């Protein structure tokens, strides 16, 4: 696969994988029609898009980390899908 393309798989769903360019924001490309992930604010403050991510991505920002400590304190794979910076292929469980 092209190094500039990241594949996002949605485990335990019937949704097909999505291929996006590296460093794209996932939330800008997922709609209710093509995603099992619910989005609210898309800015990382509501927590609606909380998911578990398998794969290598940059660590959360300080703001995202603060919210994750409240929503999923014991899960270091928990992330807000709207804040994920795509740098590699990932698998999402929600």
PDB file of N, CA and C in Angstrom:
ATOM      1  N   UNK A   1       0.838  -1.189   0.000  1.00  0.00           N
ATOM      2  CA  UNK A   1       0.000   0.000   0.000  1.00  0.00           C
ATOM      3  C   UNK A   1       0.886   1.256   0.000  1.00  0.00           C
ATOM      4  N   UNK A   2       0.429   2.291  -0.607  1.00  0.00           N
ATOM      5  CA  UNK A   2       1.116   3.581  -0.692  1.00  0.00           C
ATOM      6  C   UNK A   2       1.445   4.107   0.704  1.00  0.00           C
ATOM      7  N   UNK A   3       2.684   4.585   0.899  1.00  0.00           N
ATOM      8  CA  UNK A   3       3.097   5.089   2.213  1.00  0.00           C
ATOM      9  C   UNK A   3       2.349   6.355   2.603  1.00  0.00           C
ATOM     10  N   UNK A   4       1.766   7.050   1.645  1.00  0.00           N
ATOM     11  CA  UNK A   4       1.035   8.281   1.928  1.00  0.00           C
ATOM     12  C   UNK A   4      -0.447   8.027   2.194  1.00  0.00           C
ATOM     13  N   UNK A   5      -0.828   6.764   2.230  1.00  0.00           N
ATOM     14  CA  UNK A   5      -2.222   6.392   2.471  1.00  0.00           C
ATOM     15  C   UNK A   5      -2.306   5.561   3.746  1.00  0.00           C
ATOM     16  N   UNK A   6      -3.265   5.879   4.580  1.00  0.00           N
ATOM     17  CA  UNK A   6      -3.530   5.113   5.799  1.00  0.00           C
ATOM     18  C   UNK A   6      -4.883   4.434   5.651  1.00  0.00           C
ATOM     19  N   UNK A   7      -4.947   3.177   6.034  1.00  0.00           N
ATOM     20  CA  UNK A   7      -6.221   2.463   5.993  1.00  0.00           C
ATOM     21  C   UNK A   7      -6.795   2.388   7.395  1.00  0.00           C
ATOM     22  N   UNK A   8      -8.068   2.733   7.517  1.00  0.00           N
ATOM     23  CA  UNK A   8      -8.780   2.680   8.785  1.00  0.00           C
ATOM     24  C   UNK A   8      -9.794   1.546   8.689  1.00  0.00           C
ATOM     25  N   UNK A   9      -9.647   0.554   9.551  1.00  0.00           N
ATOM     26  CA  UNK A   9     -10.589  -0.561   9.595  1.00  0.00           C
ATOM     27  C   UNK A   9     -11.472  -0.400  10.820  1.00  0.00           C
ATOM     28  N   UNK A  10     -12.733  -0.766  10.670  1.00  0.00           N
ATOM     29  CA  UNK A  10     -13.699  -0.690  11.764  1.00  0.00           C
ATOM     30  C   UNK A  10     -14.030  -2.114  12.187  1.00  0.00           C
ATOM     31  N   UNK A  11     -13.350  -2.596  13.233  1.00  0.00           N
ATOM     32  CA  UNK A  11     -13.528  -3.969  13.679  1.00  0.00           C
ATOM     33  C   UNK A  11     -14.931  -4.185  14.247  1.00  0.00           C
ATOM     34  N   UNK A  12     -15.392  -5.407  14.104  1.00  0.00           N
ATOM     35  CA  UNK A  12     -16.699  -5.817  14.635  1.00  0.00           C
ATOM     36  C   UNK A  12     -17.862  -5.060  14.005  1.00  0.00           C
ATOM     37  N   UNK A  13     -17.693  -4.580  12.767  1.00  0.00           N
ATOM     38  CA  UNK A  13     -18.772  -3.896  12.057  1.00  0.00           C
ATOM     39  C   UNK A  13     -18.815  -4.404  10.619  1.00  0.00           C
ATOM     40  N   UNK A  14     -19.831  -3.998   9.897  1.00  0.00           N
ATOM     41  CA  UNK A  14     -19.933  -4.302   8.475  1.00  0.00           C
ATOM     42  C   UNK A  14     -19.437  -3.151   7.605  1.00  0.00           C
ATOM     43  N   UNK A  15     -18.898  -2.119   8.233  1.00  0.00           N
ATOM     44  CA  UNK A  15     -18.424  -0.962   7.481  1.00  0.00           C
ATOM     45  C   UNK A  15     -17.108  -1.287   6.790  1.00  0.00           C
ATOM     46  N   UNK A  16     -16.966  -0.915   5.518  1.00  0.00           N
ATOM     47  CA  UNK A  16     -15.722  -1.192   4.802  1.00  0.00           C
ATOM     48  C   UNK A  16     -14.596  -0.284   5.304  1.00  0.00           C
ATOM     49  N   UNK A  17     -13.359  -0.707   5.112  1.00  0.00           N
ATOM     50  CA  UNK A  17     -12.230   0.151   5.479  1.00  0.00           C
ATOM     51  C   UNK A  17     -12.260   1.452   4.675  1.00  0.00           C
ATOM     52  N   UNK A  18     -11.627   2.472   5.228  1.00  0.00           N
ATOM     53  CA  UNK A  18     -11.518   3.777   4.573  1.00  0.00           C
ATOM     54  C   UNK A  18     -10.037   4.067   4.384  1.00  0.00           C
ATOM     55  N   UNK A  19      -9.664   4.511   3.198  1.00  0.00           N
ATOM     56  CA  UNK A  19      -8.289   4.898   2.913  1.00  0.00           C
ATOM     57  C   UNK A  19      -8.205   6.414   2.854  1.00  0.00           C
ATOM     58  N   UNK A  20      -7.323   6.989   3.662  1.00  0.00           N
ATOM     59  CA  UNK A  20      -7.130   8.436   3.686  1.00  0.00           C
ATOM     60  C   UNK A  20      -5.654   8.767   3.594  1.00  0.00           C
ATOM     61  N   UNK A  21      -5.371   9.961   3.119  1.00  0.00           N
ATOM     62  CA  UNK A  21      -3.978  10.399   3.052  1.00  0.00           C
ATOM     63  C   UNK A  21      -3.424  10.586   4.462  1.00  0.00           C
ATOM     64  N   UNK A  22      -2.135  10.363   4.593  1.00  0.00           N
ATOM     65  CA  UNK A  22      -1.443  10.572   5.861  1.00  0.00           C
ATOM     66  C   UNK A  22      -1.703  11.985   6.371  1.00  0.00           C
ATOM     67  N   UNK A  23      -1.882  12.104   7.672  1.00  0.00           N
ATOM     68  CA  UNK A  23      -2.108  13.364   8.390  1.00  0.00           C
ATOM     69  C   UNK A  23      -3.480  13.989   8.166  1.00  0.00           C
ATOM     70  N   UNK A  24      -4.389  13.264   7.517  1.00  0.00           N
ATOM     71  CA  UNK A  24      -5.763  13.738   7.388  1.00  0.00           C
ATOM     72  C   UNK A  24      -6.454  13.592   8.736  1.00  0.00           C
ATOM     73  N   UNK A  25      -7.480  14.393   8.962  1.00  0.00           N
ATOM     74  CA  UNK A  25      -8.305  14.241  10.161  1.00  0.00           C
ATOM     75  C   UNK A  25      -9.443  13.284   9.827  1.00  0.00           C
ATOM     76  N   UNK A  26      -9.526  12.230  10.585  1.00  0.00           N
ATOM     77  CA  UNK A  26     -10.536  11.195  10.358  1.00  0.00           C
ATOM     78  C   UNK A  26     -11.943  11.770  10.373  1.00  0.00           C
ATOM     79  N   UNK A  27     -12.234  12.655  11.299  1.00  0.00           N
ATOM     80  CA  UNK A  27     -13.603  13.174  11.447  1.00  0.00           C
ATOM     81  C   UNK A  27     -14.069  13.981  10.245  1.00  0.00           C
ATOM     82  N   UNK A  28     -13.146  14.513   9.466  1.00  0.00           N
ATOM     83  CA  UNK A  28     -13.527  15.306   8.297  1.00  0.00           C
ATOM     84  C   UNK A  28     -13.976  14.438   7.132  1.00  0.00           C
ATOM     85  N   UNK A  29     -13.749  13.126   7.235  1.00  0.00           N
ATOM     86  CA  UNK A  29     -14.065  12.235   6.122  1.00  0.00           C
ATOM     87  C   UNK A  29     -15.119  11.191   6.446  1.00  0.00           C
ATOM     88  N   UNK A  30     -15.558  11.139   7.675  1.00  0.00           N
ATOM     89  CA  UNK A  30     -16.568  10.155   8.055  1.00  0.00           C
ATOM     90  C   UNK A  30     -17.903  10.844   8.270  1.00  0.00           C
ATOM     91  N   UNK A  31     -18.915  10.279   7.656  1.00  0.00           N
ATOM     92  CA  UNK A  31     -20.275  10.800   7.810  1.00  0.00           C
ATOM     93  C   UNK A  31     -21.140   9.686   8.374  1.00  0.00           C
ATOM     94  N   UNK A  32     -22.362   9.992   8.659  1.00  0.00           N
ATOM     95  CA  UNK A  32     -23.273   8.984   9.194  1.00  0.00           C
ATOM     96  C   UNK A  32     -23.453   7.822   8.217  1.00  0.00           C
ATOM     97  N   UNK A  33     -23.244   8.083   6.930  1.00  0.00           N
ATOM     98  CA  UNK A  33     -23.413   7.044   5.915  1.00  0.00           C
ATOM     99  C   UNK A  33     -22.233   6.074   5.855  1.00  0.00           C
ATOM    100  N   UNK A  34     -21.029   6.529   6.185  1.00  0.00           N
ATOM    101  CA  UNK A  34     -19.869   5.652   5.992  1.00  0.00           C
ATOM    102  C   UNK A  34     -19.075   5.391   7.262  1.00  0.00           C
ATOM    103  N   UNK A  35     -19.703   5.530   8.421  1.00  0.00           N
ATOM    104  CA  UNK A  35     -18.949   5.330   9.651  1.00  0.00           C
ATOM    105  C   UNK A  35     -19.809   4.784  10.780  1.00  0.00           C
ATOM    106  N   UNK A  36     -19.260   3.836  11.522  1.00  0.00           N
ATOM    107  CA  UNK A  36     -19.959   3.365  12.720  1.00  0.00           C
ATOM    108  C   UNK A  36     -19.684   4.266  13.922  1.00  0.00           C
ATOM    109  N   UNK A  37     -18.869   5.302  13.740  1.00  0.00           N
ATOM    110  CA  UNK A  37     -18.499   6.192  14.841  1.00  0.00           C
ATOM    111  C   UNK A  37     -19.456   7.373  14.890  1.00  0.00           C
ATOM    112  N   UNK A  38     -19.971   7.650  16.072  1.00  0.00           N
ATOM    113  CA  UNK A  38     -20.803   8.836  16.248  1.00  0.00           C
ATOM    114  C   UNK A  38     -19.905  10.030  16.517  1.00  0.00           C
ATOM    115  N   UNK A  39     -20.258  11.153  15.933  1.00  0.00           N
ATOM    116  CA  UNK A  39     -19.521  12.388  16.172  1.00  0.00           C
ATOM    117  C   UNK A  39     -20.476  13.435  16.702  1.00  0.00           C
ATOM    118  N   UNK A  40     -20.010  14.218  17.656  1.00  0.00           N
ATOM    119  CA  UNK A  40     -20.789  15.328  18.180  1.00  0.00           C
ATOM    120  C   UNK A  40     -20.151  16.625  17.745  1.00  0.00           C
ATOM    121  N   UNK A  41     -19.294  17.132  18.585  1.00  0.00           N
ATOM    122  CA  UNK A  41     -18.698  18.450  18.353  1.00  0.00           C
ATOM    123  C   UNK A  41     -17.596  18.453  17.301  1.00  0.00           C
ATOM    124  N   UNK A  42     -16.890  17.338  17.132  1.00  0.00           N
ATOM    125  CA  UNK A  42     -15.746  17.197  16.226  1.00  0.00           C
ATOM    126  C   UNK A  42     -14.549  18.062  16.622  1.00  0.00           C
ATOM    127  N   UNK A  43     -14.553  18.565  17.848  1.00  0.00           N
ATOM    128  CA  UNK A  43     -13.424  19.370  18.317  1.00  0.00           C
ATOM    129  C   UNK A  43     -12.746  18.775  19.546  1.00  0.00           C
ATOM    130  N   UNK A  44     -13.204  17.626  20.009  1.00  0.00           N
ATOM    131  CA  UNK A  44     -12.547  16.956  21.116  1.00  0.00           C
ATOM    132  C   UNK A  44     -13.006  17.377  22.495  1.00  0.00           C
ATOM    133  N   UNK A  45     -14.190  17.985  22.601  1.00  0.00           N
ATOM    134  CA  UNK A  45     -14.646  18.392  23.934  1.00  0.00           C
ATOM    135  C   UNK A  45     -15.881  17.640  24.427  1.00  0.00           C
ATOM    136  N   UNK A  46     -16.567  16.901  23.540  1.00  0.00           N
ATOM    137  CA  UNK A  46     -17.800  16.250  23.992  1.00  0.00           C
ATOM    138  C   UNK A  46     -17.612  14.774  24.349  1.00  0.00           C
ATOM    139  N   UNK A  47     -16.630  14.105  23.748  1.00  0.00           N
ATOM    140  CA  UNK A  47     -16.389  12.704  24.050  1.00  0.00           C
ATOM    141  C   UNK A  47     -17.277  11.724  23.313  1.00  0.00           C
ATOM    142  N   UNK A  48     -18.141  12.201  22.419  1.00  0.00           N
ATOM    143  CA  UNK A  48     -19.057  11.329  21.685  1.00  0.00           C
ATOM    144  C   UNK A  48     -18.319  10.288  20.859  1.00  0.00           C
ATOM    145  N   UNK A  49     -17.182  10.640  20.311  1.00  0.00           N
ATOM    146  CA  UNK A  49     -16.462   9.764  19.381  1.00  0.00           C
ATOM    147  C   UNK A  49     -15.393   8.907  20.056  1.00  0.00           C
ATOM    148  N   UNK A  50     -15.557   8.616  21.324  1.00  0.00           N
ATOM    149  CA  UNK A  50     -14.598   7.787  22.054  1.00  0.00           C
ATOM    150  C   UNK A  50     -14.515   6.398  21.416  1.00  0.00           C
ATOM    151  N   UNK A  51     -13.305   5.978  21.065  1.00  0.00           N
ATOM    152  CA  UNK A  51     -13.064   4.679  20.447  1.00  0.00           C
ATOM    153  C   UNK A  51     -11.800   4.065  21.037  1.00  0.00           C
ATOM    154  N   UNK A  52     -11.593   2.802  20.737  1.00  0.00           N
ATOM    155  CA  UNK A  52     -10.348   2.127  21.063  1.00  0.00           C
ATOM    156  C   UNK A  52      -9.593   1.960  19.746  1.00  0.00           C
ATOM    157  N   UNK A  53      -8.323   2.348  19.747  1.00  0.00           N
ATOM    158  CA  UNK A  53      -7.514   2.320  18.533  1.00  0.00           C
ATOM    159  C   UNK A  53      -6.393   1.301  18.677  1.00  0.00           C
ATOM    160  N   UNK A  54      -6.273   0.468  17.660  1.00  0.00           N
ATOM    161  CA  UNK A  54      -5.144  -0.444  17.563  1.00  0.00           C
ATOM    162  C   UNK A  54      -4.281   0.058  16.418  1.00  0.00           C
ATOM    163  N   UNK A  55      -3.041   0.380  16.708  1.00  0.00           N
ATOM    164  CA  UNK A  55      -2.136   0.882  15.682  1.00  0.00           C
ATOM    165  C   UNK A  55      -1.296   2.009  16.249  1.00  0.00           C
ATOM    166  N   UNK A  56      -0.302   2.383  15.481  1.00  0.00           N
ATOM    167  CA  UNK A  56       0.655   3.385  15.921  1.00  0.00           C
ATOM    168  C   UNK A  56       0.252   4.764  15.419  1.00  0.00           C
ATOM    169  N   UNK A  57      -0.159   5.627  16.334  1.00  0.00           N
ATOM    170  CA  UNK A  57      -0.514   7.009  16.011  1.00  0.00           C
ATOM    171  C   UNK A  57       0.119   7.923  17.057  1.00  0.00           C
ATOM    172  N   UNK A  58       0.244   9.201  16.743  1.00  0.00           N
ATOM    173  CA  UNK A  58       0.821  10.126  17.730  1.00  0.00           C
ATOM    174  C   UNK A  58      -0.001  10.145  19.018  1.00  0.00           C
ATOM    175  N   UNK A  59       0.635  10.457  20.140  1.00  0.00           N
ATOM    176  CA  UNK A  59      -0.076  10.507  21.414  1.00  0.00           C
ATOM    177  C   UNK A  59      -1.099  11.639  21.425  1.00  0.00           C
ATOM    178  N   UNK A  60      -2.072  11.551  22.331  1.00  0.00           N
ATOM    179  CA  UNK A  60      -3.090  12.606  22.408  1.00  0.00           C
ATOM    180  C   UNK A  60      -2.499  13.929  22.880  1.00  0.00           C
ATOM    181  N   UNK A  61      -3.146  15.002  22.462  1.00  0.00           N
ATOM    182  CA  UNK A  61      -2.760  16.331  22.950  1.00  0.00           C
ATOM    183  C   UNK A  61      -3.102  16.418  24.435  1.00  0.00           C
ATOM    184  N   UNK A  62      -2.635  17.445  25.086  1.00  0.00           N
ATOM    185  CA  UNK A  62      -2.922  17.629  26.511  1.00  0.00           C
ATOM    186  C   UNK A  62      -4.426  17.734  26.758  1.00  0.00           C
ATOM    187  N   UNK A  63      -5.141  18.436  25.878  1.00  0.00           N
ATOM    188  CA  UNK A  63      -6.580  18.596  26.046  1.00  0.00           C
ATOM    189  C   UNK A  63      -7.305  17.264  25.875  1.00  0.00           C
ATOM    190  N   UNK A  64      -6.921  16.492  24.842  1.00  0.00           N
ATOM    191  CA  UNK A  64      -7.548  15.196  24.629  1.00  0.00           C
ATOM    192  C   UNK A  64      -7.231  14.259  25.788  1.00  0.00           C
ATOM    193  N   UNK A  65      -5.991  14.262  26.230  1.00  0.00           N
ATOM    194  CA  UNK A  65      -5.572  13.392  27.338  1.00  0.00           C
ATOM    195  C   UNK A  65      -6.384  13.681  28.593  1.00  0.00           C
ATOM    196  N   UNK A  66      -6.645  14.947  28.855  1.00  0.00           N
ATOM    197  CA  UNK A  66      -7.436  15.335  30.022  1.00  0.00           C
ATOM    198  C   UNK A  66      -8.837  14.730  29.965  1.00  0.00           C
ATOM    199  N   UNK A  67      -9.473  14.793  28.798  1.00  0.00           N
ATOM    200  CA  UNK A  67     -10.811  14.226  28.650  1.00  0.00           C
ATOM    201  C   UNK A  67     -10.763  12.697  28.711  1.00  0.00           C
ATOM    202  N   UNK A  68      -9.738  12.092  28.129  1.00  0.00           N
ATOM    203  CA  UNK A  68      -9.604  10.634  28.171  1.00  0.00           C
ATOM    204  C   UNK A  68      -9.424  10.124  29.599  1.00  0.00           C
ATOM    205  N   UNK A  69      -8.758  10.905  30.448  1.00  0.00           N
ATOM    206  CA  UNK A  69      -8.580  10.508  31.844  1.00  0.00           C
ATOM    207  C   UNK A  69      -9.914  10.450  32.580  1.00  0.00           C
ATOM    208  N   UNK A  70     -10.895  11.200  32.106  1.00  0.00           N
ATOM    209  CA  UNK A  70     -12.237  11.179  32.696  1.00  0.00           C
ATOM    210  C   UNK A  70     -13.073  10.060  32.083  1.00  0.00           C
ATOM    211  N   UNK A  71     -13.050   9.943  30.739  1.00  0.00           N
ATOM    212  CA  UNK A  71     -13.925   9.004  30.036  1.00  0.00           C
ATOM    213  C   UNK A  71     -13.434   7.563  30.042  1.00  0.00           C
ATOM    214  N   UNK A  72     -12.122   7.369  29.999  1.00  0.00           N
ATOM    215  CA  UNK A  72     -11.553   6.018  29.918  1.00  0.00           C
ATOM    216  C   UNK A  72     -10.230   5.986  30.672  1.00  0.00           C
ATOM    217  N   UNK A  73     -10.279   6.167  31.982  1.00  0.00           N
ATOM    218  CA  UNK A  73      -9.050   6.336  32.755  1.00  0.00           C
ATOM    219  C   UNK A  73      -8.071   5.161  32.718  1.00  0.00           C
ATOM    220  N   UNK A  74      -8.550   3.964  32.508  1.00  0.00           N
ATOM    221  CA  UNK A  74      -7.644   2.811  32.562  1.00  0.00           C
ATOM    222  C   UNK A  74      -7.357   2.215  31.184  1.00  0.00           C
ATOM    223  N   UNK A  75      -7.726   2.912  30.128  1.00  0.00           N
ATOM    224  CA  UNK A  75      -7.543   2.362  28.792  1.00  0.00           C
ATOM    225  C   UNK A  75      -6.601   3.247  27.974  1.00  0.00           C
ATOM    226  N   UNK A  76      -5.357   2.803  27.821  1.00  0.00           N
ATOM    227  CA  UNK A  76      -4.393   3.623  27.084  1.00  0.00           C
ATOM    228  C   UNK A  76      -4.562   3.538  25.572  1.00  0.00           C
ATOM    229  N   UNK A  77      -5.500   2.715  25.094  1.00  0.00           N
ATOM    230  CA  UNK A  77      -5.810   2.662  23.664  1.00  0.00           C
ATOM    231  C   UNK A  77      -7.025   3.526  23.325  1.00  0.00           C
ATOM    232  N   UNK A  78      -7.661   4.095  24.328  1.00  0.00           N
ATOM    233  CA  UNK A  78      -8.835   4.944  24.088  1.00  0.00           C
ATOM    234  C   UNK A  78      -8.389   6.258  23.465  1.00  0.00           C
ATOM    235  N   UNK A  79      -9.138   6.699  22.483  1.00  0.00           N
ATOM    236  CA  UNK A  79      -8.862   7.975  21.816  1.00  0.00           C
ATOM    237  C   UNK A  79     -10.186   8.597  21.385  1.00  0.00           C
ATOM    238  N   UNK A  80     -10.137   9.871  21.109  1.00  0.00           N
ATOM    239  CA  UNK A  80     -11.259  10.572  20.504  1.00  0.00           C
ATOM    240  C   UNK A  80     -11.025  10.534  18.998  1.00  0.00           C
ATOM    241  N   UNK A  81     -11.924   9.884  18.263  1.00  0.00           N
ATOM    242  CA  UNK A  81     -11.717   9.687  16.827  1.00  0.00           C
ATOM    243  C   UNK A  81     -11.537  11.011  16.089  1.00  0.00           C
ATOM    244  N   UNK A  82     -12.194  12.053  16.556  1.00  0.00           N
ATOM    245  CA  UNK A  82     -12.086  13.350  15.875  1.00  0.00           C
ATOM    246  C   UNK A  82     -10.712  13.980  16.020  1.00  0.00           C
ATOM    247  N   UNK A  83      -9.911  13.501  16.946  1.00  0.00           N
ATOM    248  CA  UNK A  83      -8.601  14.086  17.202  1.00  0.00           C
ATOM    249  C   UNK A  83      -7.443  13.244  16.671  1.00  0.00           C
ATOM    250  N   UNK A  84      -7.739  12.095  16.095  1.00  0.00           N
ATOM    251  CA  UNK A  84      -6.684  11.202  15.630  1.00  0.00           C
ATOM    252  C   UNK A  84      -5.978  11.795  14.420  1.00  0.00           C
ATOM    253  N   UNK A  85      -4.654  11.880  14.516  1.00  0.00           N
ATOM    254  CA  UNK A  85      -3.827  12.278  13.373  1.00  0.00           C
ATOM    255  C   UNK A  85      -3.351  10.988  12.719  1.00  0.00           C
ATOM    256  N   UNK A  86      -3.753  10.770  11.496  1.00  0.00           N
ATOM    257  CA  UNK A  86      -3.428   9.530  10.808  1.00  0.00           C
ATOM    258  C   UNK A  86      -1.987   9.531  10.331  1.00  0.00           C
ATOM    259  N   UNK A  87      -1.220   8.599  10.841  1.00  0.00           N
ATOM    260  CA  UNK A  87       0.171   8.447  10.422  1.00  0.00           C
ATOM    261  C   UNK A  87       0.463   7.013   9.991  1.00  0.00           C
ATOM    262  N   UNK A  88      -0.422   6.088  10.327  1.00  0.00           N
ATOM    263  CA  UNK A  88      -0.271   4.673   9.989  1.00  0.00           C
ATOM    264  C   UNK A  88      -1.647   4.047   9.856  1.00  0.00           C
ATOM    265  N   UNK A  89      -1.672   2.823   9.364  1.00  0.00           N
ATOM    266  CA  UNK A  89      -2.917   2.065   9.310  1.00  0.00           C
ATOM    267  C   UNK A  89      -3.397   1.845  10.752  1.00  0.00           C
ATOM    268  N   UNK A  90      -4.694   1.928  10.966  1.00  0.00           N
ATOM    269  CA  UNK A  90      -5.242   1.685  12.298  1.00  0.00           C
ATOM    270  C   UNK A  90      -6.496   0.827  12.214  1.00  0.00           C
ATOM    271  N   UNK A  91      -6.833   0.247  13.345  1.00  0.00           N
ATOM    272  CA  UNK A  91      -8.084  -0.492  13.516  1.00  0.00           C
ATOM    273  C   UNK A  91      -8.825   0.186  14.646  1.00  0.00           C
ATOM    274  N   UNK A  92     -10.112   0.407  14.448  1.00  0.00           N
ATOM    275  CA  UNK A  92     -10.931   1.103  15.438  1.00  0.00           C
ATOM    276  C   UNK A  92     -12.010   0.162  15.957  1.00  0.00           C
ATOM    277  N   UNK A  93     -12.123   0.164  17.276  1.00  0.00           N
ATOM    278  CA  UNK A  93     -13.187  -0.577  17.950  1.00  0.00           C
ATOM    279  C   UNK A  93     -13.992   0.462  18.718  1.00  0.00           C
ATOM    280  N   UNK A  94     -15.301   0.482  18.517  1.00  0.00           N
ATOM    281  CA  UNK A  94     -16.104   1.436  19.300  1.00  0.00           C
ATOM    282  C   UNK A  94     -17.277   0.773  19.931  1.00  0.00           C
TER     283      UNK A  94
END
